[in-house]
Amino acid sequence: MFRHVAMWEFEDDDDPVLNRENAIKIKAGLEELVYEVHGLTRLDVHIDPARTSTTNADILMESVFETREAYRADLEHPRRKAVTELIDSCTGTFLCMDFEEEHDSEIL
């Protein structure tokens, strides 16, 4: 399995109502991908646009793909590109991590 984890921070903290609305749109758009992208087996989106001092991101996405190739195909999917345009229009800081999930029977 291949995992992609991403976090975004809204560019403007002055309008929490607009940030909440955008977060809900982003979450809905991303979650629709699980029904359209072949090889995307799970996608969870968590939002916290009213960021507290203990968090440093507004949106967190965790996605699981059957293969790295399925992830690459997701990046080119028209629906993904549309959601990415929305994300890019209202967020600034972006962090992500991609990794192959290893199943090692030996515990270190």
PDB file of N, CA and C in Angstrom:
ATOM      1  N   MET A   1       0.834  -1.182   0.000  1.00  0.00           N
ATOM      2  CA  MET A   1       0.000   0.000   0.000  1.00  0.00           C
ATOM      3  C   MET A   1       0.876   1.241   0.000  1.00  0.00           C
ATOM      4  N   PHE A   2       0.326   2.316  -0.575  1.00  0.00           N
ATOM      5  CA  PHE A   2       1.031   3.586  -0.640  1.00  0.00           C
ATOM      6  C   PHE A   2       0.184   4.630   0.080  1.00  0.00           C
ATOM      7  N   ARG A   3       0.812   5.380   0.942  1.00  0.00           N
ATOM      8  CA  ARG A   3       0.088   6.396   1.719  1.00  0.00           C
ATOM      9  C   ARG A   3       0.551   7.797   1.345  1.00  0.00           C
ATOM     10  N   HIS A   4      -0.413   8.702   1.325  1.00  0.00           N
ATOM     11  CA  HIS A   4      -0.142  10.120   1.087  1.00  0.00           C
ATOM     12  C   HIS A   4      -0.831  10.885   2.207  1.00  0.00           C
ATOM     13  N   VAL A   5      -0.069  11.638   2.967  1.00  0.00           N
ATOM     14  CA  VAL A   5      -0.602  12.443   4.063  1.00  0.00           C
ATOM     15  C   VAL A   5      -0.274  13.897   3.749  1.00  0.00           C
ATOM     16  N   ALA A   6      -1.283  14.762   3.809  1.00  0.00           N
ATOM     17  CA  ALA A   6      -1.073  16.173   3.493  1.00  0.00           C
ATOM     18  C   ALA A   6      -1.753  17.051   4.537  1.00  0.00           C
ATOM     19  N   MET A   7      -1.142  18.213   4.779  1.00  0.00           N
ATOM     20  CA  MET A   7      -1.715  19.196   5.696  1.00  0.00           C
ATOM     21  C   MET A   7      -1.635  20.573   5.046  1.00  0.00           C
ATOM     22  N   TRP A   8      -2.698  21.334   5.236  1.00  0.00           N
ATOM     23  CA  TRP A   8      -2.745  22.694   4.708  1.00  0.00           C
ATOM     24  C   TRP A   8      -3.093  23.664   5.812  1.00  0.00           C
ATOM     25  N   GLU A   9      -2.603  24.882   5.654  1.00  0.00           N
ATOM     26  CA  GLU A   9      -2.920  25.976   6.561  1.00  0.00           C
ATOM     27  C   GLU A   9      -3.542  27.090   5.717  1.00  0.00           C
ATOM     28  N   PHE A  10      -4.655  27.657   6.200  1.00  0.00           N
ATOM     29  CA  PHE A  10      -5.269  28.749   5.458  1.00  0.00           C
ATOM     30  C   PHE A  10      -4.342  29.947   5.417  1.00  0.00           C
ATOM     31  N   GLU A  11      -4.373  30.618   4.285  1.00  0.00           N
ATOM     32  CA  GLU A  11      -3.498  31.766   4.082  1.00  0.00           C
ATOM     33  C   GLU A  11      -3.923  32.948   4.934  1.00  0.00           C
ATOM     34  N   ASP A  12      -5.232  33.101   5.133  1.00  0.00           N
ATOM     35  CA  ASP A  12      -5.768  34.256   5.839  1.00  0.00           C
ATOM     36  C   ASP A  12      -6.568  33.784   7.051  1.00  0.00           C
ATOM     37  N   ASP A  13      -6.100  34.151   8.241  1.00  0.00           N
ATOM     38  CA  ASP A  13      -6.798  33.769   9.464  1.00  0.00           C
ATOM     39  C   ASP A  13      -7.829  34.809   9.902  1.00  0.00           C
ATOM     40  N   ASP A  14      -8.000  35.873   9.121  1.00  0.00           N
ATOM     41  CA  ASP A  14      -8.887  36.962   9.522  1.00  0.00           C
ATOM     42  C   ASP A  14     -10.363  36.673   9.294  1.00  0.00           C
ATOM     43  N   ASP A  15     -10.673  35.624   8.547  1.00  0.00           N
ATOM     44  CA  ASP A  15     -12.078  35.324   8.247  1.00  0.00           C
ATOM     45  C   ASP A  15     -12.377  33.853   8.558  1.00  0.00           C
ATOM     46  N   PRO A  16     -12.601  33.539   9.843  1.00  0.00           N
ATOM     47  CA  PRO A  16     -12.832  32.139  10.218  1.00  0.00           C
ATOM     48  C   PRO A  16     -14.091  31.535   9.592  1.00  0.00           C
ATOM     49  N   VAL A  17     -15.093  32.352   9.298  1.00  0.00           N
ATOM     50  CA  VAL A  17     -16.319  31.837   8.683  1.00  0.00           C
ATOM     51  C   VAL A  17     -16.014  31.372   7.257  1.00  0.00           C
ATOM     52  N   LEU A  18     -15.312  32.194   6.488  1.00  0.00           N
ATOM     53  CA  LEU A  18     -14.936  31.820   5.125  1.00  0.00           C
ATOM     54  C   LEU A  18     -14.014  30.605   5.142  1.00  0.00           C
ATOM     55  N   ASN A  19     -13.081  30.567   6.077  1.00  0.00           N
ATOM     56  CA  ASN A  19     -12.177  29.413   6.180  1.00  0.00           C
ATOM     57  C   ASN A  19     -12.959  28.142   6.473  1.00  0.00           C
ATOM     58  N   ARG A  20     -13.946  28.222   7.331  1.00  0.00           N
ATOM     59  CA  ARG A  20     -14.775  27.051   7.655  1.00  0.00           C
ATOM     60  C   ARG A  20     -15.537  26.587   6.411  1.00  0.00           C
ATOM     61  N   GLU A  21     -16.109  27.540   5.668  1.00  0.00           N
ATOM     62  CA  GLU A  21     -16.828  27.196   4.442  1.00  0.00           C
ATOM     63  C   GLU A  21     -15.899  26.533   3.426  1.00  0.00           C
ATOM     64  N   ASN A  22     -14.711  27.098   3.251  1.00  0.00           N
ATOM     65  CA  ASN A  22     -13.746  26.511   2.318  1.00  0.00           C
ATOM     66  C   ASN A  22     -13.292  25.136   2.783  1.00  0.00           C
ATOM     67  N   ALA A  23     -13.095  24.968   4.085  1.00  0.00           N
ATOM     68  CA  ALA A  23     -12.676  23.672   4.619  1.00  0.00           C
ATOM     69  C   ALA A  23     -13.726  22.608   4.322  1.00  0.00           C
ATOM     70  N   ILE A  24     -14.990  22.963   4.478  1.00  0.00           N
ATOM     71  CA  ILE A  24     -16.075  22.012   4.213  1.00  0.00           C
ATOM     72  C   ILE A  24     -16.108  21.651   2.723  1.00  0.00           C
ATOM     73  N   LYS A  25     -15.929  22.631   1.841  1.00  0.00           N
ATOM     74  CA  LYS A  25     -15.897  22.370   0.397  1.00  0.00           C
ATOM     75  C   LYS A  25     -14.709  21.479   0.027  1.00  0.00           C
ATOM     76  N   ILE A  26     -13.554  21.778   0.596  1.00  0.00           N
ATOM     77  CA  ILE A  26     -12.349  20.985   0.317  1.00  0.00           C
ATOM     78  C   ILE A  26     -12.543  19.555   0.791  1.00  0.00           C
ATOM     79  N   LYS A  27     -13.050  19.398   2.002  1.00  0.00           N
ATOM     80  CA  LYS A  27     -13.284  18.056   2.557  1.00  0.00           C
ATOM     81  C   LYS A  27     -14.231  17.261   1.666  1.00  0.00           C
ATOM     82  N   ALA A  28     -15.335  17.879   1.254  1.00  0.00           N
ATOM     83  CA  ALA A  28     -16.312  17.188   0.405  1.00  0.00           C
ATOM     84  C   ALA A  28     -15.688  16.821  -0.942  1.00  0.00           C
ATOM     85  N   GLY A  29     -14.956  17.745  -1.530  1.00  0.00           N
ATOM     86  CA  GLY A  29     -14.329  17.478  -2.824  1.00  0.00           C
ATOM     87  C   GLY A  29     -13.312  16.365  -2.766  1.00  0.00           C
ATOM     88  N   LEU A  30     -12.500  16.368  -1.727  1.00  0.00           N
ATOM     89  CA  LEU A  30     -11.495  15.313  -1.588  1.00  0.00           C
ATOM     90  C   LEU A  30     -12.149  13.962  -1.329  1.00  0.00           C
ATOM     91  N   GLU A  31     -13.158  13.939  -0.465  1.00  0.00           N
ATOM     92  CA  GLU A  31     -13.787  12.667  -0.115  1.00  0.00           C
ATOM     93  C   GLU A  31     -14.517  12.034  -1.297  1.00  0.00           C
ATOM     94  N   GLU A  32     -14.969  12.833  -2.267  1.00  0.00           N
ATOM     95  CA  GLU A  32     -15.610  12.284  -3.465  1.00  0.00           C
ATOM     96  C   GLU A  32     -14.628  11.474  -4.301  1.00  0.00           C
ATOM     97  N   LEU A  33     -13.345  11.766  -4.180  1.00  0.00           N
ATOM     98  CA  LEU A  33     -12.338  11.074  -4.985  1.00  0.00           C
ATOM     99  C   LEU A  33     -12.320   9.575  -4.745  1.00  0.00           C
ATOM    100  N   VAL A  34     -12.678   9.147  -3.545  1.00  0.00           N
ATOM    101  CA  VAL A  34     -12.615   7.725  -3.224  1.00  0.00           C
ATOM    102  C   VAL A  34     -13.575   6.923  -4.109  1.00  0.00           C
ATOM    103  N   TYR A  35     -14.600   7.565  -4.630  1.00  0.00           N
ATOM    104  CA  TYR A  35     -15.563   6.887  -5.502  1.00  0.00           C
ATOM    105  C   TYR A  35     -15.161   6.953  -6.973  1.00  0.00           C
ATOM    106  N   GLU A  36     -14.179   7.785  -7.296  1.00  0.00           N
ATOM    107  CA  GLU A  36     -13.842   8.016  -8.694  1.00  0.00           C
ATOM    108  C   GLU A  36     -12.433   7.577  -9.094  1.00  0.00           C
ATOM    109  N   VAL A  37     -11.536   7.491  -8.157  1.00  0.00           N
ATOM    110  CA  VAL A  37     -10.138   7.198  -8.483  1.00  0.00           C
ATOM    111  C   VAL A  37      -9.868   5.709  -8.256  1.00  0.00           C
ATOM    112  N   HIS A  38      -9.545   5.016  -9.330  1.00  0.00           N
ATOM    113  CA  HIS A  38      -9.228   3.594  -9.231  1.00  0.00           C
ATOM    114  C   HIS A  38      -7.955   3.412  -8.405  1.00  0.00           C
ATOM    115  N   GLY A  39      -8.009   2.536  -7.424  1.00  0.00           N
ATOM    116  CA  GLY A  39      -6.842   2.253  -6.595  1.00  0.00           C
ATOM    117  C   GLY A  39      -6.765   3.078  -5.332  1.00  0.00           C
ATOM    118  N   LEU A  40      -7.657   4.055  -5.167  1.00  0.00           N
ATOM    119  CA  LEU A  40      -7.733   4.823  -3.925  1.00  0.00           C
ATOM    120  C   LEU A  40      -8.665   4.063  -2.997  1.00  0.00           C
ATOM    121  N   THR A  41      -8.104   3.469  -1.945  1.00  0.00           N
ATOM    122  CA  THR A  41      -8.902   2.585  -1.098  1.00  0.00           C
ATOM    123  C   THR A  41      -9.470   3.275   0.132  1.00  0.00           C
ATOM    124  N   ARG A  42      -8.837   4.375   0.567  1.00  0.00           N
ATOM    125  CA  ARG A  42      -9.349   5.089   1.744  1.00  0.00           C
ATOM    126  C   ARG A  42      -8.885   6.527   1.697  1.00  0.00           C
ATOM    127  N   LEU A  43      -9.745   7.423   2.120  1.00  0.00           N
ATOM    128  CA  LEU A  43      -9.382   8.827   2.186  1.00  0.00           C
ATOM    129  C   LEU A  43     -10.125   9.446   3.356  1.00  0.00           C
ATOM    130  N   ASP A  44      -9.386   9.980   4.308  1.00  0.00           N
ATOM    131  CA  ASP A  44      -9.967  10.640   5.470  1.00  0.00           C
ATOM    132  C   ASP A  44      -9.499  12.089   5.480  1.00  0.00           C
ATOM    133  N   VAL A  45     -10.440  13.002   5.697  1.00  0.00           N
ATOM    134  CA  VAL A  45     -10.112  14.420   5.777  1.00  0.00           C
ATOM    135  C   VAL A  45     -10.612  14.941   7.119  1.00  0.00           C
ATOM    136  N   HIS A  46      -9.748  15.641   7.816  1.00  0.00           N
ATOM    137  CA  HIS A  46     -10.081  16.230   9.116  1.00  0.00           C
ATOM    138  C   HIS A  46      -9.865  17.734   9.002  1.00  0.00           C
ATOM    139  N   ILE A  47     -10.814  18.510   9.539  1.00  0.00           N
ATOM    140  CA  ILE A  47     -10.686  19.957   9.447  1.00  0.00           C
ATOM    141  C   ILE A  47     -10.685  20.596  10.829  1.00  0.00           C
ATOM    142  N   ASP A  48      -9.920  21.681  10.947  1.00  0.00           N
ATOM    143  CA  ASP A  48      -9.836  22.462  12.178  1.00  0.00           C
ATOM    144  C   ASP A  48      -9.546  23.916  11.820  1.00  0.00           C
ATOM    145  N   PRO A  49     -10.481  24.592  11.131  1.00  0.00           N
ATOM    146  CA  PRO A  49     -10.205  25.963  10.726  1.00  0.00           C
ATOM    147  C   PRO A  49     -10.161  26.954  11.887  1.00  0.00           C
ATOM    148  N   ALA A  50     -10.633  26.572  13.050  1.00  0.00           N
ATOM    149  CA  ALA A  50     -10.518  27.426  14.230  1.00  0.00           C
ATOM    150  C   ALA A  50      -9.305  26.956  15.035  1.00  0.00           C
ATOM    151  N   ARG A  51      -8.181  26.976  14.377  1.00  0.00           N
ATOM    152  CA  ARG A  51      -6.940  26.427  14.932  1.00  0.00           C
ATOM    153  C   ARG A  51      -6.671  26.952  16.341  1.00  0.00           C
ATOM    154  N   THR A  52      -6.297  26.062  17.211  1.00  0.00           N
ATOM    155  CA  THR A  52      -5.932  26.428  18.574  1.00  0.00           C
ATOM    156  C   THR A  52      -4.416  26.434  18.683  1.00  0.00           C
ATOM    157  N   SER A  53      -3.921  26.783  19.838  1.00  0.00           N
ATOM    158  CA  SER A  53      -2.465  26.856  20.015  1.00  0.00           C
ATOM    159  C   SER A  53      -1.803  25.483  19.961  1.00  0.00           C
ATOM    160  N   THR A  54      -2.588  24.416  20.032  1.00  0.00           N
ATOM    161  CA  THR A  54      -1.993  23.076  20.004  1.00  0.00           C
ATOM    162  C   THR A  54      -1.931  22.472  18.611  1.00  0.00           C
ATOM    163  N   THR A  55      -2.510  23.146  17.603  1.00  0.00           N
ATOM    164  CA  THR A  55      -2.463  22.623  16.238  1.00  0.00           C
ATOM    165  C   THR A  55      -1.825  23.658  15.316  1.00  0.00           C
ATOM    166  N   ASN A  56      -1.240  23.174  14.242  1.00  0.00           N
ATOM    167  CA  ASN A  56      -0.626  24.106  13.293  1.00  0.00           C
ATOM    168  C   ASN A  56      -1.070  23.842  11.860  1.00  0.00           C
ATOM    169  N   ALA A  57      -2.223  23.206  11.696  1.00  0.00           N
ATOM    170  CA  ALA A  57      -2.784  22.985  10.365  1.00  0.00           C
ATOM    171  C   ALA A  57      -4.292  23.109  10.452  1.00  0.00           C
ATOM    172  N   ASP A  58      -4.894  23.472   9.335  1.00  0.00           N
ATOM    173  CA  ASP A  58      -6.342  23.622   9.274  1.00  0.00           C
ATOM    174  C   ASP A  58      -7.030  22.406   8.676  1.00  0.00           C
ATOM    175  N   ILE A  59      -6.351  21.740   7.754  1.00  0.00           N
ATOM    176  CA  ILE A  59      -6.917  20.578   7.074  1.00  0.00           C
ATOM    177  C   ILE A  59      -5.856  19.484   7.020  1.00  0.00           C
ATOM    178  N   LEU A  60      -6.249  18.272   7.348  1.00  0.00           N
ATOM    179  CA  LEU A  60      -5.366  17.105   7.261  1.00  0.00           C
ATOM    180  C   LEU A  60      -6.053  16.066   6.394  1.00  0.00           C
ATOM    181  N   MET A  61      -5.301  15.527   5.432  1.00  0.00           N
ATOM    182  CA  MET A  61      -5.839  14.461   4.585  1.00  0.00           C
ATOM    183  C   MET A  61      -4.923  13.253   4.680  1.00  0.00           C
ATOM    184  N   GLU A  62      -5.514  12.099   4.921  1.00  0.00           N
ATOM    185  CA  GLU A  62      -4.788  10.830   4.903  1.00  0.00           C
ATOM    186  C   GLU A  62      -5.417   9.975   3.808  1.00  0.00           C
ATOM    187  N   SER A  63      -4.604   9.551   2.843  1.00  0.00           N
ATOM    188  CA  SER A  63      -5.139   8.715   1.768  1.00  0.00           C
ATOM    189  C   SER A  63      -4.289   7.468   1.598  1.00  0.00           C
ATOM    190  N   VAL A  64      -4.965   6.386   1.220  1.00  0.00           N
ATOM    191  CA  VAL A  64      -4.312   5.099   1.034  1.00  0.00           C
ATOM    192  C   VAL A  64      -4.623   4.605  -0.371  1.00  0.00           C
ATOM    193  N   PHE A  65      -3.572   4.222  -1.084  1.00  0.00           N
ATOM    194  CA  PHE A  65      -3.694   3.728  -2.454  1.00  0.00           C
ATOM    195  C   PHE A  65      -3.165   2.300  -2.527  1.00  0.00           C
ATOM    196  N   GLU A  66      -3.690   1.553  -3.475  1.00  0.00           N
ATOM    197  CA  GLU A  66      -3.201   0.189  -3.674  1.00  0.00           C
ATOM    198  C   GLU A  66      -1.733   0.190  -4.081  1.00  0.00           C
ATOM    199  N   THR A  67      -1.341   1.167  -4.911  1.00  0.00           N
ATOM    200  CA  THR A  67       0.030   1.236  -5.415  1.00  0.00           C
ATOM    201  C   THR A  67       0.467   2.689  -5.575  1.00  0.00           C
ATOM    202  N   ARG A  68       1.751   2.880  -5.749  1.00  0.00           N
ATOM    203  CA  ARG A  68       2.293   4.210  -6.044  1.00  0.00           C
ATOM    204  C   ARG A  68       1.730   4.727  -7.373  1.00  0.00           C
ATOM    205  N   GLU A  69       1.538   3.842  -8.321  1.00  0.00           N
ATOM    206  CA  GLU A  69       1.003   4.224  -9.622  1.00  0.00           C
ATOM    207  C   GLU A  69      -0.431   4.749  -9.488  1.00  0.00           C
ATOM    208  N   ALA A  70      -1.211   4.157  -8.608  1.00  0.00           N
ATOM    209  CA  ALA A  70      -2.579   4.634  -8.381  1.00  0.00           C
ATOM    210  C   ALA A  70      -2.545   6.053  -7.811  1.00  0.00           C
ATOM    211  N   TYR A  71      -1.595   6.324  -6.946  1.00  0.00           N
ATOM    212  CA  TYR A  71      -1.424   7.679  -6.406  1.00  0.00           C
ATOM    213  C   TYR A  71      -1.078   8.657  -7.524  1.00  0.00           C
ATOM    214  N   ARG A  72      -0.168   8.271  -8.388  1.00  0.00           N
ATOM    215  CA  ARG A  72       0.214   9.150  -9.503  1.00  0.00           C
ATOM    216  C   ARG A  72      -0.975   9.425 -10.425  1.00  0.00           C
ATOM    217  N   ALA A  73      -1.794   8.410 -10.646  1.00  0.00           N
ATOM    218  CA  ALA A  73      -2.990   8.593 -11.475  1.00  0.00           C
ATOM    219  C   ALA A  73      -3.969   9.549 -10.798  1.00  0.00           C
ATOM    220  N   ASP A  74      -4.061   9.468  -9.481  1.00  0.00           N
ATOM    221  CA  ASP A  74      -4.929  10.374  -8.722  1.00  0.00           C
ATOM    222  C   ASP A  74      -4.531  11.822  -8.959  1.00  0.00           C
ATOM    223  N   LEU A  75      -3.246  12.098  -9.006  1.00  0.00           N
ATOM    224  CA  LEU A  75      -2.780  13.467  -9.199  1.00  0.00           C
ATOM    225  C   LEU A  75      -3.223  14.055 -10.530  1.00  0.00           C
ATOM    226  N   GLU A  76      -3.470  13.196 -11.515  1.00  0.00           N
ATOM    227  CA  GLU A  76      -3.876  13.651 -12.840  1.00  0.00           C
ATOM    228  C   GLU A  76      -5.388  13.606 -13.050  1.00  0.00           C
ATOM    229  N   HIS A  77      -6.121  13.107 -12.076  1.00  0.00           N
ATOM    230  CA  HIS A  77      -7.571  12.973 -12.206  1.00  0.00           C
ATOM    231  C   HIS A  77      -8.208  14.360 -12.270  1.00  0.00           C
ATOM    232  N   PRO A  78      -9.142  14.579 -13.197  1.00  0.00           N
ATOM    233  CA  PRO A  78      -9.771  15.900 -13.340  1.00  0.00           C
ATOM    234  C   PRO A  78     -10.422  16.416 -12.054  1.00  0.00           C
ATOM    235  N   ARG A  79     -11.073  15.540 -11.308  1.00  0.00           N
ATOM    236  CA  ARG A  79     -11.705  15.977 -10.054  1.00  0.00           C
ATOM    237  C   ARG A  79     -10.637  16.418  -9.053  1.00  0.00           C
ATOM    238  N   ARG A  80      -9.530  15.694  -8.984  1.00  0.00           N
ATOM    239  CA  ARG A  80      -8.436  16.064  -8.085  1.00  0.00           C
ATOM    240  C   ARG A  80      -7.888  17.438  -8.460  1.00  0.00           C
ATOM    241  N   LYS A  81      -7.719  17.667  -9.755  1.00  0.00           N
ATOM    242  CA  LYS A  81      -7.200  18.956 -10.207  1.00  0.00           C
ATOM    243  C   LYS A  81      -8.145  20.091  -9.824  1.00  0.00           C
ATOM    244  N   ALA A  82      -9.443  19.857  -9.907  1.00  0.00           N
ATOM    245  CA  ALA A  82     -10.423  20.882  -9.531  1.00  0.00           C
ATOM    246  C   ALA A  82     -10.338  21.189  -8.033  1.00  0.00           C
ATOM    247  N   VAL A  83     -10.231  20.161  -7.213  1.00  0.00           N
ATOM    248  CA  VAL A  83     -10.113  20.367  -5.762  1.00  0.00           C
ATOM    249  C   VAL A  83      -8.789  21.051  -5.440  1.00  0.00           C
ATOM    250  N   THR A  84      -7.739  20.686  -6.148  1.00  0.00           N
ATOM    251  CA  THR A  84      -6.436  21.307  -5.923  1.00  0.00           C
ATOM    252  C   THR A  84      -6.488  22.797  -6.228  1.00  0.00           C
ATOM    253  N   GLU A  85      -7.220  23.190  -7.257  1.00  0.00           N
ATOM    254  CA  GLU A  85      -7.372  24.616  -7.562  1.00  0.00           C
ATOM    255  C   GLU A  85      -8.029  25.349  -6.401  1.00  0.00           C
ATOM    256  N   LEU A  86      -9.068  24.758  -5.816  1.00  0.00           N
ATOM    257  CA  LEU A  86      -9.721  25.363  -4.651  1.00  0.00           C
ATOM    258  C   LEU A  86      -8.744  25.453  -3.487  1.00  0.00           C
ATOM    259  N   ILE A  87      -8.040  24.370  -3.227  1.00  0.00           N
ATOM    260  CA  ILE A  87      -7.077  24.353  -2.122  1.00  0.00           C
ATOM    261  C   ILE A  87      -6.019  25.435  -2.318  1.00  0.00           C
ATOM    262  N   ASP A  88      -5.474  25.511  -3.522  1.00  0.00           N
ATOM    263  CA  ASP A  88      -4.424  26.490  -3.810  1.00  0.00           C
ATOM    264  C   ASP A  88      -4.922  27.924  -3.696  1.00  0.00           C
ATOM    265  N   SER A  89      -6.219  28.152  -3.924  1.00  0.00           N
ATOM    266  CA  SER A  89      -6.758  29.508  -3.892  1.00  0.00           C
ATOM    267  C   SER A  89      -6.901  30.071  -2.482  1.00  0.00           C
ATOM    268  N   CYS A  90      -6.924  29.202  -1.468  1.00  0.00           N
ATOM    269  CA  CYS A  90      -7.182  29.720  -0.116  1.00  0.00           C
ATOM    270  C   CYS A  90      -6.196  29.244   0.944  1.00  0.00           C
ATOM    271  N   THR A  91      -5.246  28.414   0.555  1.00  0.00           N
ATOM    272  CA  THR A  91      -4.265  27.965   1.551  1.00  0.00           C
ATOM    273  C   THR A  91      -2.876  28.479   1.194  1.00  0.00           C
ATOM    274  N   GLY A  92      -2.029  28.499   2.196  1.00  0.00           N
ATOM    275  CA  GLY A  92      -0.646  28.921   1.993  1.00  0.00           C
ATOM    276  C   GLY A  92       0.292  27.767   2.250  1.00  0.00           C
ATOM    277  N   THR A  93       0.548  27.506   3.505  1.00  0.00           N
ATOM    278  CA  THR A  93       1.475  26.454   3.891  1.00  0.00           C
ATOM    279  C   THR A  93       0.906  25.084   3.547  1.00  0.00           C
ATOM    280  N   PHE A  94       1.766  24.252   2.945  1.00  0.00           N
ATOM    281  CA  PHE A  94       1.384  22.884   2.564  1.00  0.00           C
ATOM    282  C   PHE A  94       2.523  21.966   2.954  1.00  0.00           C
ATOM    283  N   LEU A  95       2.191  20.899   3.648  1.00  0.00           N
ATOM    284  CA  LEU A  95       3.156  19.865   4.010  1.00  0.00           C
ATOM    285  C   LEU A  95       2.589  18.524   3.595  1.00  0.00           C
ATOM    286  N   CYS A  96       3.457  17.628   3.132  1.00  0.00           N
ATOM    287  CA  CYS A  96       2.978  16.288   2.825  1.00  0.00           C
ATOM    288  C   CYS A  96       4.092  15.279   3.023  1.00  0.00           C
ATOM    289  N   MET A  97       3.671  14.040   3.117  1.00  0.00           N
ATOM    290  CA  MET A  97       4.597  12.923   3.208  1.00  0.00           C
ATOM    291  C   MET A  97       3.976  11.742   2.482  1.00  0.00           C
ATOM    292  N   ASP A  98       4.754  11.132   1.612  1.00  0.00           N
ATOM    293  CA  ASP A  98       4.331   9.947   0.872  1.00  0.00           C
ATOM    294  C   ASP A  98       5.226   8.789   1.274  1.00  0.00           C
ATOM    295  N   PHE A  99       4.647   7.617   1.451  1.00  0.00           N
ATOM    296  CA  PHE A  99       5.475   6.481   1.824  1.00  0.00           C
ATOM    297  C   PHE A  99       4.795   5.162   1.512  1.00  0.00           C
ATOM    298  N   GLU A 100       5.630   4.168   1.234  1.00  0.00           N
ATOM    299  CA  GLU A 100       5.157   2.798   1.072  1.00  0.00           C
ATOM    300  C   GLU A 100       4.972   2.222   2.455  1.00  0.00           C
ATOM    301  N   GLU A 101       3.860   1.559   2.654  1.00  0.00           N
ATOM    302  CA  GLU A 101       3.627   0.924   3.936  1.00  0.00           C
ATOM    303  C   GLU A 101       4.310  -0.428   3.954  1.00  0.00           C
ATOM    304  N   GLU A 102       5.178  -0.600   4.906  1.00  0.00           N
ATOM    305  CA  GLU A 102       5.919  -1.859   5.018  1.00  0.00           C
ATOM    306  C   GLU A 102       5.248  -2.748   6.052  1.00  0.00           C
ATOM    307  N   HIS A 103       5.139  -4.008   5.728  1.00  0.00           N
ATOM    308  CA  HIS A 103       4.573  -4.987   6.651  1.00  0.00           C
ATOM    309  C   HIS A 103       5.694  -5.908   7.093  1.00  0.00           C
ATOM    310  N   ASP A 104       6.257  -5.573   8.209  1.00  0.00           N
ATOM    311  CA  ASP A 104       7.363  -6.343   8.730  1.00  0.00           C
ATOM    312  C   ASP A 104       6.873  -7.139   9.931  1.00  0.00           C
ATOM    313  N   SER A 105       7.013  -8.412   9.895  1.00  0.00           N
ATOM    314  CA  SER A 105       6.509  -9.242  10.985  1.00  0.00           C
ATOM    315  C   SER A 105       7.391  -9.152  12.221  1.00  0.00           C
ATOM    316  N   GLU A 106       8.576  -8.642  12.067  1.00  0.00           N
ATOM    317  CA  GLU A 106       9.491  -8.533  13.206  1.00  0.00           C
ATOM    318  C   GLU A 106       9.326  -7.175  13.864  1.00  0.00           C
ATOM    319  N   ILE A 107       9.074  -7.178  15.157  1.00  0.00           N
ATOM    320  CA  ILE A 107       8.933  -5.938  15.909  1.00  0.00           C
ATOM    321  C   ILE A 107      10.294  -5.554  16.448  1.00  0.00           C
ATOM    322  N   LEU A 108      10.642  -4.294  16.227  1.00  0.00           N
ATOM    323  CA  LEU A 108      11.957  -3.803  16.688  1.00  0.00           C
ATOM    324  C   LEU A 108      11.921  -3.451  18.139  1.00  0.00           C
TER     325      LEU A 108
END
